Amino acid sequence: MNYCVKIFDHSGNCLNQIGSGQDWGQRRFECPYGVCVDLEDNVIVADYDTNRVSLFHQNGRFIRYLLTKAEKCNSPCGVAVGPCGHLVVTECNLDYNNIKVYKIYE
């Protein structure tokens, strides 16, 4: 519930933090659930409450939204990237559970 994602190295040292603060203007997430790293070491975050999957550079800089409510992304809770560039997203809430696969990388 601290509205952020922290990036650690293999030794457990905190390298960076994406999002922070209690004020809506400062935090980037409502409820980050799923996190993974793509083939270029970018960070992908599934934010359950905002219905978005976001892409960040490993230094924390926002790159773009990969999925939003407009792409029918609903309550994303898990993300993974396959070797061919497919993004796998799990969606879940009290009414349903889905697994969707998107081709987002060329």
PDB file of N, CA and C in Angstrom:
ATOM      1  N   MET A   1       0.811  -1.215   0.000  1.00  0.00           N
ATOM      2  CA  MET A   1       0.000   0.000   0.000  1.00  0.00           C
ATOM      3  C   MET A   1       0.848   1.270   0.000  1.00  0.00           C
ATOM      4  N   ASN A   2       2.076   1.192  -0.489  1.00  0.00           N
ATOM      5  CA  ASN A   2       2.882   2.411  -0.569  1.00  0.00           C
ATOM      6  C   ASN A   2       2.935   2.943  -1.991  1.00  0.00           C
ATOM      7  N   TYR A   3       2.101   2.398  -2.886  1.00  0.00           N
ATOM      8  CA  TYR A   3       1.899   2.937  -4.230  1.00  0.00           C
ATOM      9  C   TYR A   3       3.177   3.045  -5.049  1.00  0.00           C
ATOM     10  N   CYS A   4       4.088   2.093  -4.885  1.00  0.00           N
ATOM     11  CA  CYS A   4       5.318   2.160  -5.656  1.00  0.00           C
ATOM     12  C   CYS A   4       5.829   0.762  -5.961  1.00  0.00           C
ATOM     13  N   VAL A   5       6.787   0.707  -6.881  1.00  0.00           N
ATOM     14  CA  VAL A   5       7.503  -0.513  -7.219  1.00  0.00           C
ATOM     15  C   VAL A   5       8.980  -0.213  -6.992  1.00  0.00           C
ATOM     16  N   LYS A   6       9.643  -1.071  -6.238  1.00  0.00           N
ATOM     17  CA  LYS A   6      11.064  -0.870  -5.954  1.00  0.00           C
ATOM     18  C   LYS A   6      11.882  -1.870  -6.757  1.00  0.00           C
ATOM     19  N   ILE A   7      13.010  -1.394  -7.279  1.00  0.00           N
ATOM     20  CA  ILE A   7      13.898  -2.212  -8.106  1.00  0.00           C
ATOM     21  C   ILE A   7      15.168  -2.498  -7.303  1.00  0.00           C
ATOM     22  N   PHE A   8      15.493  -3.793  -7.184  1.00  0.00           N
ATOM     23  CA  PHE A   8      16.654  -4.218  -6.408  1.00  0.00           C
ATOM     24  C   PHE A   8      17.648  -4.944  -7.314  1.00  0.00           C
ATOM     25  N   ASP A   9      18.926  -4.902  -6.929  1.00  0.00           N
ATOM     26  CA  ASP A   9      19.917  -5.699  -7.643  1.00  0.00           C
ATOM     27  C   ASP A   9      19.969  -7.099  -7.037  1.00  0.00           C
ATOM     28  N   HIS A  10      20.842  -7.948  -7.554  1.00  0.00           N
ATOM     29  CA  HIS A  10      20.928  -9.328  -7.094  1.00  0.00           C
ATOM     30  C   HIS A  10      21.384  -9.449  -5.642  1.00  0.00           C
ATOM     31  N   SER A  11      22.009  -8.413  -5.116  1.00  0.00           N
ATOM     32  CA  SER A  11      22.478  -8.430  -3.725  1.00  0.00           C
ATOM     33  C   SER A  11      21.445  -7.874  -2.748  1.00  0.00           C
ATOM     34  N   GLY A  12      20.303  -7.417  -3.266  1.00  0.00           N
ATOM     35  CA  GLY A  12      19.267  -6.875  -2.400  1.00  0.00           C
ATOM     36  C   GLY A  12      19.353  -5.388  -2.161  1.00  0.00           C
ATOM     37  N   ASN A  13      20.227  -4.695  -2.900  1.00  0.00           N
ATOM     38  CA  ASN A  13      20.342  -3.239  -2.770  1.00  0.00           C
ATOM     39  C   ASN A  13      19.265  -2.570  -3.612  1.00  0.00           C
ATOM     40  N   CYS A  14      18.573  -1.595  -3.029  1.00  0.00           N
ATOM     41  CA  CYS A  14      17.531  -0.872  -3.756  1.00  0.00           C
ATOM     42  C   CYS A  14      18.185   0.073  -4.761  1.00  0.00           C
ATOM     43  N   LEU A  15      17.887  -0.142  -6.045  1.00  0.00           N
ATOM     44  CA  LEU A  15      18.466   0.676  -7.111  1.00  0.00           C
ATOM     45  C   LEU A  15      17.588   1.857  -7.481  1.00  0.00           C
ATOM     46  N   ASN A  16      16.281   1.650  -7.418  1.00  0.00           N
ATOM     47  CA  ASN A  16      15.366   2.690  -7.869  1.00  0.00           C
ATOM     48  C   ASN A  16      13.971   2.402  -7.346  1.00  0.00           C
ATOM     49  N   GLN A  17      13.123   3.410  -7.465  1.00  0.00           N
ATOM     50  CA  GLN A  17      11.720   3.286  -7.067  1.00  0.00           C
ATOM     51  C   GLN A  17      10.871   3.986  -8.109  1.00  0.00           C
ATOM     52  N   ILE A  18       9.804   3.337  -8.522  1.00  0.00           N
ATOM     53  CA  ILE A  18       8.861   3.928  -9.472  1.00  0.00           C
ATOM     54  C   ILE A  18       7.600   4.256  -8.706  1.00  0.00           C
ATOM     55  N   GLY A  19       7.214   5.523  -8.719  1.00  0.00           N
ATOM     56  CA  GLY A  19       6.038   5.974  -7.978  1.00  0.00           C
ATOM     57  C   GLY A  19       6.361   6.176  -6.511  1.00  0.00           C
ATOM     58  N   SER A  20       5.658   7.092  -5.876  1.00  0.00           N
ATOM     59  CA  SER A  20       5.847   7.322  -4.446  1.00  0.00           C
ATOM     60  C   SER A  20       4.823   8.339  -3.967  1.00  0.00           C
ATOM     61  N   GLY A  21       4.724   8.473  -2.681  1.00  0.00           N
ATOM     62  CA  GLY A  21       3.886   9.506  -2.091  1.00  0.00           C
ATOM     63  C   GLY A  21       2.451   9.085  -1.916  1.00  0.00           C
ATOM     64  N   GLN A  22       1.777   9.763  -1.031  1.00  0.00           N
ATOM     65  CA  GLN A  22       0.366   9.497  -0.762  1.00  0.00           C
ATOM     66  C   GLN A  22      -0.555  10.379  -1.595  1.00  0.00           C
ATOM     67  N   ASP A  23      -0.052  11.498  -2.081  1.00  0.00           N
ATOM     68  CA  ASP A  23      -0.871  12.395  -2.895  1.00  0.00           C
ATOM     69  C   ASP A  23      -0.987  11.830  -4.297  1.00  0.00           C
ATOM     70  N   TRP A  24      -2.180  11.884  -4.860  1.00  0.00           N
ATOM     71  CA  TRP A  24      -2.415  11.316  -6.186  1.00  0.00           C
ATOM     72  C   TRP A  24      -1.468  11.901  -7.223  1.00  0.00           C
ATOM     73  N   GLY A  25      -1.145  13.166  -7.141  1.00  0.00           N
ATOM     74  CA  GLY A  25      -0.264  13.787  -8.122  1.00  0.00           C
ATOM     75  C   GLY A  25       1.157  13.241  -8.082  1.00  0.00           C
ATOM     76  N   GLN A  26       1.566  12.690  -6.940  1.00  0.00           N
ATOM     77  CA  GLN A  26       2.927  12.183  -6.810  1.00  0.00           C
ATOM     78  C   GLN A  26       3.022  10.688  -7.091  1.00  0.00           C
ATOM     79  N   ARG A  27       1.992   9.946  -6.784  1.00  0.00           N
ATOM     80  CA  ARG A  27       2.104   8.509  -6.985  1.00  0.00           C
ATOM     81  C   ARG A  27       1.659   8.149  -8.390  1.00  0.00           C
ATOM     82  N   ARG A  28       2.194   7.092  -8.891  1.00  0.00           N
ATOM     83  CA  ARG A  28       1.915   6.681 -10.253  1.00  0.00           C
ATOM     84  C   ARG A  28       0.931   5.520 -10.298  1.00  0.00           C
ATOM     85  N   PHE A  29       0.747   4.851  -9.171  1.00  0.00           N
ATOM     86  CA  PHE A  29      -0.094   3.657  -9.139  1.00  0.00           C
ATOM     87  C   PHE A  29      -1.184   3.781  -8.084  1.00  0.00           C
ATOM     88  N   GLU A  30      -2.252   3.059  -8.308  1.00  0.00           N
ATOM     89  CA  GLU A  30      -3.295   2.899  -7.307  1.00  0.00           C
ATOM     90  C   GLU A  30      -3.085   1.590  -6.560  1.00  0.00           C
ATOM     91  N   CYS A  31      -2.839   0.533  -7.306  1.00  0.00           N
ATOM     92  CA  CYS A  31      -2.681  -0.788  -6.691  1.00  0.00           C
ATOM     93  C   CYS A  31      -1.828  -1.670  -7.614  1.00  0.00           C
ATOM     94  N   PRO A  32      -0.500  -1.479  -7.585  1.00  0.00           N
ATOM     95  CA  PRO A  32       0.351  -2.297  -8.454  1.00  0.00           C
ATOM     96  C   PRO A  32       0.377  -3.750  -7.980  1.00  0.00           C
ATOM     97  N   TYR A  33       0.028  -4.661  -8.870  1.00  0.00           N
ATOM     98  CA  TYR A  33      -0.026  -6.083  -8.527  1.00  0.00           C
ATOM     99  C   TYR A  33       1.100  -6.856  -9.191  1.00  0.00           C
ATOM    100  N   GLY A  34       1.076  -6.874 -10.512  1.00  0.00           N
ATOM    101  CA  GLY A  34       2.032  -7.679 -11.257  1.00  0.00           C
ATOM    102  C   GLY A  34       3.186  -6.856 -11.776  1.00  0.00           C
ATOM    103  N   VAL A  35       4.386  -7.449 -11.736  1.00  0.00           N
ATOM    104  CA  VAL A  35       5.589  -6.775 -12.220  1.00  0.00           C
ATOM    105  C   VAL A  35       6.437  -7.797 -12.953  1.00  0.00           C
ATOM    106  N   CYS A  36       7.008  -7.391 -14.080  1.00  0.00           N
ATOM    107  CA  CYS A  36       7.980  -8.237 -14.768  1.00  0.00           C
ATOM    108  C   CYS A  36       8.957  -7.342 -15.519  1.00  0.00           C
ATOM    109  N   VAL A  37       9.968  -7.968 -16.077  1.00  0.00           N
ATOM    110  CA  VAL A  37      10.984  -7.261 -16.848  1.00  0.00           C
ATOM    111  C   VAL A  37      10.946  -7.825 -18.261  1.00  0.00           C
ATOM    112  N   ASP A  38      10.998  -6.944 -19.267  1.00  0.00           N
ATOM    113  CA  ASP A  38      10.956  -7.420 -20.649  1.00  0.00           C
ATOM    114  C   ASP A  38      12.352  -7.793 -21.145  1.00  0.00           C
ATOM    115  N   LEU A  39      12.464  -8.086 -22.419  1.00  0.00           N
ATOM    116  CA  LEU A  39      13.722  -8.548 -23.002  1.00  0.00           C
ATOM    117  C   LEU A  39      14.806  -7.470 -23.048  1.00  0.00           C
ATOM    118  N   GLU A  40      14.402  -6.205 -22.850  1.00  0.00           N
ATOM    119  CA  GLU A  40      15.353  -5.086 -22.845  1.00  0.00           C
ATOM    120  C   GLU A  40      15.555  -4.518 -21.442  1.00  0.00           C
ATOM    121  N   ASP A  41      15.162  -5.261 -20.425  1.00  0.00           N
ATOM    122  CA  ASP A  41      15.270  -4.860 -19.016  1.00  0.00           C
ATOM    123  C   ASP A  41      14.392  -3.673 -18.652  1.00  0.00           C
ATOM    124  N   ASN A  42      13.349  -3.412 -19.437  1.00  0.00           N
ATOM    125  CA  ASN A  42      12.346  -2.429 -19.040  1.00  0.00           C
ATOM    126  C   ASN A  42      11.410  -3.083 -18.038  1.00  0.00           C
ATOM    127  N   VAL A  43      10.804  -2.278 -17.180  1.00  0.00           N
ATOM    128  CA  VAL A  43       9.913  -2.777 -16.132  1.00  0.00           C
ATOM    129  C   VAL A  43       8.467  -2.601 -16.581  1.00  0.00           C
ATOM    130  N   ILE A  44       7.693  -3.679 -16.477  1.00  0.00           N
ATOM    131  CA  ILE A  44       6.276  -3.660 -16.832  1.00  0.00           C
ATOM    132  C   ILE A  44       5.482  -3.851 -15.553  1.00  0.00           C
ATOM    133  N   VAL A  45       4.498  -2.969 -15.322  1.00  0.00           N
ATOM    134  CA  VAL A  45       3.712  -3.007 -14.095  1.00  0.00           C
ATOM    135  C   VAL A  45       2.225  -3.079 -14.433  1.00  0.00           C
ATOM    136  N   ALA A  46       1.543  -4.064 -13.846  1.00  0.00           N
ATOM    137  CA  ALA A  46       0.086  -4.171 -13.952  1.00  0.00           C
ATOM    138  C   ALA A  46      -0.519  -3.468 -12.746  1.00  0.00           C
ATOM    139  N   ASP A  47      -1.303  -2.415 -13.000  1.00  0.00           N
ATOM    140  CA  ASP A  47      -1.947  -1.654 -11.924  1.00  0.00           C
ATOM    141  C   ASP A  47      -3.428  -2.011 -11.896  1.00  0.00           C
ATOM    142  N   TYR A  48      -3.800  -2.797 -10.910  1.00  0.00           N
ATOM    143  CA  TYR A  48      -5.141  -3.364 -10.790  1.00  0.00           C
ATOM    144  C   TYR A  48      -6.239  -2.297 -10.808  1.00  0.00           C
ATOM    145  N   ASP A  49      -6.126  -1.276  -9.970  1.00  0.00           N
ATOM    146  CA  ASP A  49      -7.209  -0.305  -9.815  1.00  0.00           C
ATOM    147  C   ASP A  49      -7.346   0.676 -10.970  1.00  0.00           C
ATOM    148  N   THR A  50      -6.266   0.965 -11.698  1.00  0.00           N
ATOM    149  CA  THR A  50      -6.373   1.909 -12.814  1.00  0.00           C
ATOM    150  C   THR A  50      -6.607   1.209 -14.149  1.00  0.00           C
ATOM    151  N   ASN A  51      -6.616  -0.143 -14.140  1.00  0.00           N
ATOM    152  CA  ASN A  51      -6.821  -0.925 -15.372  1.00  0.00           C
ATOM    153  C   ASN A  51      -5.782  -0.583 -16.433  1.00  0.00           C
ATOM    154  N   ARG A  52      -4.515  -0.470 -15.985  1.00  0.00           N
ATOM    155  CA  ARG A  52      -3.444  -0.140 -16.922  1.00  0.00           C
ATOM    156  C   ARG A  52      -2.258  -1.073 -16.726  1.00  0.00           C
ATOM    157  N   VAL A  53      -1.563  -1.311 -17.832  1.00  0.00           N
ATOM    158  CA  VAL A  53      -0.272  -1.971 -17.803  1.00  0.00           C
ATOM    159  C   VAL A  53       0.711  -0.965 -18.386  1.00  0.00           C
ATOM    160  N   SER A  54       1.713  -0.589 -17.590  1.00  0.00           N
ATOM    161  CA  SER A  54       2.632   0.489 -17.953  1.00  0.00           C
ATOM    162  C   SER A  54       4.042  -0.041 -18.165  1.00  0.00           C
ATOM    163  N   LEU A  55       4.771   0.649 -19.033  1.00  0.00           N
ATOM    164  CA  LEU A  55       6.150   0.301 -19.347  1.00  0.00           C
ATOM    165  C   LEU A  55       7.064   1.421 -18.855  1.00  0.00           C
ATOM    166  N   PHE A  56       8.118   1.032 -18.110  1.00  0.00           N
ATOM    167  CA  PHE A  56       9.069   1.981 -17.557  1.00  0.00           C
ATOM    168  C   PHE A  56      10.484   1.549 -17.912  1.00  0.00           C
ATOM    169  N   HIS A  57      11.358   2.521 -18.112  1.00  0.00           N
ATOM    170  CA  HIS A  57      12.782   2.232 -18.227  1.00  0.00           C
ATOM    171  C   HIS A  57      13.247   1.778 -16.851  1.00  0.00           C
ATOM    172  N   GLN A  58      14.302   0.999 -16.784  1.00  0.00           N
ATOM    173  CA  GLN A  58      14.779   0.503 -15.497  1.00  0.00           C
ATOM    174  C   GLN A  58      15.219   1.621 -14.561  1.00  0.00           C
ATOM    175  N   ASN A  59      15.451   2.829 -15.096  1.00  0.00           N
ATOM    176  CA  ASN A  59      15.784   3.961 -14.230  1.00  0.00           C
ATOM    177  C   ASN A  59      14.532   4.619 -13.646  1.00  0.00           C
ATOM    178  N   GLY A  60      13.338   4.084 -13.975  1.00  0.00           N
ATOM    179  CA  GLY A  60      12.090   4.598 -13.436  1.00  0.00           C
ATOM    180  C   GLY A  60      11.341   5.543 -14.347  1.00  0.00           C
ATOM    181  N   ARG A  61      11.932   5.930 -15.467  1.00  0.00           N
ATOM    182  CA  ARG A  61      11.279   6.862 -16.397  1.00  0.00           C
ATOM    183  C   ARG A  61      10.113   6.164 -17.107  1.00  0.00           C
ATOM    184  N   PHE A  62       8.956   6.809 -17.087  1.00  0.00           N
ATOM    185  CA  PHE A  62       7.778   6.286 -17.775  1.00  0.00           C
ATOM    186  C   PHE A  62       8.011   6.308 -19.278  1.00  0.00           C
ATOM    187  N   ILE A  63       7.708   5.200 -19.951  1.00  0.00           N
ATOM    188  CA  ILE A  63       7.843   5.135 -21.408  1.00  0.00           C
ATOM    189  C   ILE A  63       6.479   5.265 -22.066  1.00  0.00           C
ATOM    190  N   ARG A  64       5.548   4.355 -21.701  1.00  0.00           N
ATOM    191  CA  ARG A  64       4.203   4.437 -22.282  1.00  0.00           C
ATOM    192  C   ARG A  64       3.289   3.425 -21.599  1.00  0.00           C
ATOM    193  N   TYR A  65       1.998   3.610 -21.835  1.00  0.00           N
ATOM    194  CA  TYR A  65       1.032   2.602 -21.418  1.00  0.00           C
ATOM    195  C   TYR A  65       1.006   1.524 -22.490  1.00  0.00           C
ATOM    196  N   LEU A  66       1.129   0.281 -22.080  1.00  0.00           N
ATOM    197  CA  LEU A  66       1.003  -0.831 -23.015  1.00  0.00           C
ATOM    198  C   LEU A  66      -0.458  -1.205 -23.210  1.00  0.00           C
ATOM    199  N   LEU A  67      -1.221  -1.172 -22.124  1.00  0.00           N
ATOM    200  CA  LEU A  67      -2.643  -1.483 -22.167  1.00  0.00           C
ATOM    201  C   LEU A  67      -3.390  -0.550 -21.217  1.00  0.00           C
ATOM    202  N   THR A  68      -4.619  -0.211 -21.611  1.00  0.00           N
ATOM    203  CA  THR A  68      -5.479   0.603 -20.756  1.00  0.00           C
ATOM    204  C   THR A  68      -6.893   0.040 -20.848  1.00  0.00           C
ATOM    205  N   LYS A  69      -7.804   0.683 -20.184  1.00  0.00           N
ATOM    206  CA  LYS A  69      -9.220   0.298 -20.245  1.00  0.00           C
ATOM    207  C   LYS A  69      -9.722   0.344 -21.689  1.00  0.00           C
ATOM    208  N   ALA A  70      -9.192   1.257 -22.497  1.00  0.00           N
ATOM    209  CA  ALA A  70      -9.608   1.371 -23.907  1.00  0.00           C
ATOM    210  C   ALA A  70      -9.305   0.090 -24.686  1.00  0.00           C
ATOM    211  N   GLU A  71      -8.250  -0.624 -24.295  1.00  0.00           N
ATOM    212  CA  GLU A  71      -7.912  -1.903 -24.934  1.00  0.00           C
ATOM    213  C   GLU A  71      -8.555  -3.076 -24.193  1.00  0.00           C
ATOM    214  N   LYS A  72      -9.564  -2.765 -23.393  1.00  0.00           N
ATOM    215  CA  LYS A  72     -10.308  -3.761 -22.613  1.00  0.00           C
ATOM    216  C   LYS A  72      -9.435  -4.476 -21.580  1.00  0.00           C
ATOM    217  N   CYS A  73      -8.515  -3.730 -20.998  1.00  0.00           N
ATOM    218  CA  CYS A  73      -7.704  -4.238 -19.902  1.00  0.00           C
ATOM    219  C   CYS A  73      -8.477  -3.981 -18.610  1.00  0.00           C
ATOM    220  N   ASN A  74      -8.875  -5.058 -17.928  1.00  0.00           N
ATOM    221  CA  ASN A  74      -9.706  -4.934 -16.740  1.00  0.00           C
ATOM    222  C   ASN A  74      -9.074  -5.669 -15.560  1.00  0.00           C
ATOM    223  N   SER A  75      -8.760  -4.937 -14.522  1.00  0.00           N
ATOM    224  CA  SER A  75      -8.227  -5.496 -13.279  1.00  0.00           C
ATOM    225  C   SER A  75      -7.016  -6.400 -13.505  1.00  0.00           C
ATOM    226  N   PRO A  76      -5.954  -5.882 -14.154  1.00  0.00           N
ATOM    227  CA  PRO A  76      -4.776  -6.725 -14.381  1.00  0.00           C
ATOM    228  C   PRO A  76      -4.058  -7.030 -13.070  1.00  0.00           C
ATOM    229  N   CYS A  77      -3.726  -8.301 -12.868  1.00  0.00           N
ATOM    230  CA  CYS A  77      -3.014  -8.663 -11.636  1.00  0.00           C
ATOM    231  C   CYS A  77      -1.682  -9.326 -11.882  1.00  0.00           C
ATOM    232  N   GLY A  78      -1.444  -9.827 -13.054  1.00  0.00           N
ATOM    233  CA  GLY A  78      -0.160 -10.455 -13.329  1.00  0.00           C
ATOM    234  C   GLY A  78       0.282 -10.164 -14.744  1.00  0.00           C
ATOM    235  N   VAL A  79       1.585 -10.053 -14.952  1.00  0.00           N
ATOM    236  CA  VAL A  79       2.145  -9.823 -16.282  1.00  0.00           C
ATOM    237  C   VAL A  79       3.400 -10.662 -16.461  1.00  0.00           C
ATOM    238  N   ALA A  80       3.626 -11.072 -17.702  1.00  0.00           N
ATOM    239  CA  ALA A  80       4.846 -11.794 -18.065  1.00  0.00           C
ATOM    240  C   ALA A  80       5.108 -11.538 -19.538  1.00  0.00           C
ATOM    241  N   VAL A  81       6.375 -11.570 -19.925  1.00  0.00           N
ATOM    242  CA  VAL A  81       6.761 -11.395 -21.322  1.00  0.00           C
ATOM    243  C   VAL A  81       7.394 -12.687 -21.806  1.00  0.00           C
ATOM    244  N   GLY A  82       6.888 -13.188 -22.936  1.00  0.00           N
ATOM    245  CA  GLY A  82       7.449 -14.386 -23.532  1.00  0.00           C
ATOM    246  C   GLY A  82       8.620 -14.058 -24.426  1.00  0.00           C
ATOM    247  N   PRO A  83       9.382 -15.067 -24.844  1.00  0.00           N
ATOM    248  CA  PRO A  83      10.584 -14.846 -25.649  1.00  0.00           C
ATOM    249  C   PRO A  83      10.307 -14.262 -27.034  1.00  0.00           C
ATOM    250  N   CYS A  84       9.104 -14.385 -27.527  1.00  0.00           N
ATOM    251  CA  CYS A  84       8.767 -13.831 -28.848  1.00  0.00           C
ATOM    252  C   CYS A  84       8.135 -12.454 -28.741  1.00  0.00           C
ATOM    253  N   GLY A  85       8.156 -11.859 -27.551  1.00  0.00           N
ATOM    254  CA  GLY A  85       7.607 -10.522 -27.390  1.00  0.00           C
ATOM    255  C   GLY A  85       6.131 -10.475 -27.074  1.00  0.00           C
ATOM    256  N   HIS A  86       5.541 -11.593 -26.707  1.00  0.00           N
ATOM    257  CA  HIS A  86       4.138 -11.590 -26.309  1.00  0.00           C
ATOM    258  C   HIS A  86       4.018 -11.166 -24.851  1.00  0.00           C
ATOM    259  N   LEU A  87       3.026 -10.349 -24.576  1.00  0.00           N
ATOM    260  CA  LEU A  87       2.735  -9.943 -23.213  1.00  0.00           C
ATOM    261  C   LEU A  87       1.550 -10.768 -22.732  1.00  0.00           C
ATOM    262  N   VAL A  88       1.743 -11.488 -21.640  1.00  0.00           N
ATOM    263  CA  VAL A  88       0.671 -12.289 -21.056  1.00  0.00           C
ATOM    264  C   VAL A  88       0.169 -11.544 -19.827  1.00  0.00           C
ATOM    265  N   VAL A  89      -1.153 -11.315 -19.772  1.00  0.00           N
ATOM    266  CA  VAL A  89      -1.763 -10.561 -18.680  1.00  0.00           C
ATOM    267  C   VAL A  89      -2.852 -11.410 -18.051  1.00  0.00           C
ATOM    268  N   THR A  90      -2.824 -11.528 -16.743  1.00  0.00           N
ATOM    269  CA  THR A  90      -3.940 -12.158 -16.042  1.00  0.00           C
ATOM    270  C   THR A  90      -4.816 -11.060 -15.473  1.00  0.00           C
ATOM    271  N   GLU A  91      -6.101 -11.243 -15.598  1.00  0.00           N
ATOM    272  CA  GLU A  91      -7.091 -10.313 -15.055  1.00  0.00           C
ATOM    273  C   GLU A  91      -7.943 -11.082 -14.060  1.00  0.00           C
ATOM    274  N   CYS A  92      -8.229 -10.455 -12.937  1.00  0.00           N
ATOM    275  CA  CYS A  92      -9.065 -11.144 -11.960  1.00  0.00           C
ATOM    276  C   CYS A  92      -9.815 -10.141 -11.098  1.00  0.00           C
ATOM    277  N   ASN A  93     -11.008 -10.515 -10.776  1.00  0.00           N
ATOM    278  CA  ASN A  93     -11.795  -9.822  -9.761  1.00  0.00           C
ATOM    279  C   ASN A  93     -12.823 -10.815  -9.240  1.00  0.00           C
ATOM    280  N   LEU A  94     -13.808 -10.374  -8.522  1.00  0.00           N
ATOM    281  CA  LEU A  94     -14.785 -11.299  -7.944  1.00  0.00           C
ATOM    282  C   LEU A  94     -15.649 -11.984  -8.985  1.00  0.00           C
ATOM    283  N   ASP A  95     -15.792 -11.381 -10.180  1.00  0.00           N
ATOM    284  CA  ASP A  95     -16.698 -11.911 -11.202  1.00  0.00           C
ATOM    285  C   ASP A  95     -16.027 -12.801 -12.239  1.00  0.00           C
ATOM    286  N   TYR A  96     -14.729 -12.654 -12.466  1.00  0.00           N
ATOM    287  CA  TYR A  96     -14.094 -13.424 -13.534  1.00  0.00           C
ATOM    288  C   TYR A  96     -12.580 -13.507 -13.343  1.00  0.00           C
ATOM    289  N   ASN A  97     -11.994 -14.453 -14.061  1.00  0.00           N
ATOM    290  CA  ASN A  97     -10.537 -14.592 -14.183  1.00  0.00           C
ATOM    291  C   ASN A  97     -10.243 -14.842 -15.650  1.00  0.00           C
ATOM    292  N   ASN A  98      -9.315 -14.082 -16.213  1.00  0.00           N
ATOM    293  CA  ASN A  98      -8.941 -14.204 -17.619  1.00  0.00           C
ATOM    294  C   ASN A  98      -7.435 -14.238 -17.768  1.00  0.00           C
ATOM    295  N   ILE A  99      -7.001 -14.891 -18.829  1.00  0.00           N
ATOM    296  CA  ILE A  99      -5.611 -14.795 -19.279  1.00  0.00           C
ATOM    297  C   ILE A  99      -5.660 -14.310 -20.712  1.00  0.00           C
ATOM    298  N   LYS A 100      -4.977 -13.198 -20.985  1.00  0.00           N
ATOM    299  CA  LYS A 100      -4.955 -12.628 -22.332  1.00  0.00           C
ATOM    300  C   LYS A 100      -3.508 -12.526 -22.805  1.00  0.00           C
ATOM    301  N   VAL A 101      -3.320 -12.724 -24.104  1.00  0.00           N
ATOM    302  CA  VAL A 101      -2.002 -12.622 -24.700  1.00  0.00           C
ATOM    303  C   VAL A 101      -2.045 -11.539 -25.769  1.00  0.00           C
ATOM    304  N   TYR A 102      -1.088 -10.616 -25.704  1.00  0.00           N
ATOM    305  CA  TYR A 102      -0.999  -9.497 -26.633  1.00  0.00           C
ATOM    306  C   TYR A 102       0.357  -9.528 -27.325  1.00  0.00           C
ATOM    307  N   LYS A 103       0.378  -9.161 -28.575  1.00  0.00           N
ATOM    308  CA  LYS A 103       1.633  -8.964 -29.309  1.00  0.00           C
ATOM    309  C   LYS A 103       1.939  -7.478 -29.265  1.00  0.00           C
ATOM    310  N   ILE A 104       2.858  -7.088 -28.395  1.00  0.00           N
ATOM    311  CA  ILE A 104       3.145  -5.661 -28.227  1.00  0.00           C
ATOM    312  C   ILE A 104       4.518  -5.275 -28.723  1.00  0.00           C
ATOM    313  N   TYR A 105       5.388  -6.252 -28.921  1.00  0.00           N
ATOM    314  CA  TYR A 105       6.738  -5.986 -29.408  1.00  0.00           C
ATOM    315  C   TYR A 105       6.886  -6.608 -30.783  1.00  0.00           C
ATOM    316  N   GLU A 106       7.546  -5.880 -31.664  1.00  0.00           N
ATOM    317  CA  GLU A 106       7.786  -6.404 -33.019  1.00  0.00           C
ATOM    318  C   GLU A 106       9.146  -7.044 -33.100  1.00  0.00           C
TER     319      GLU A 106
END
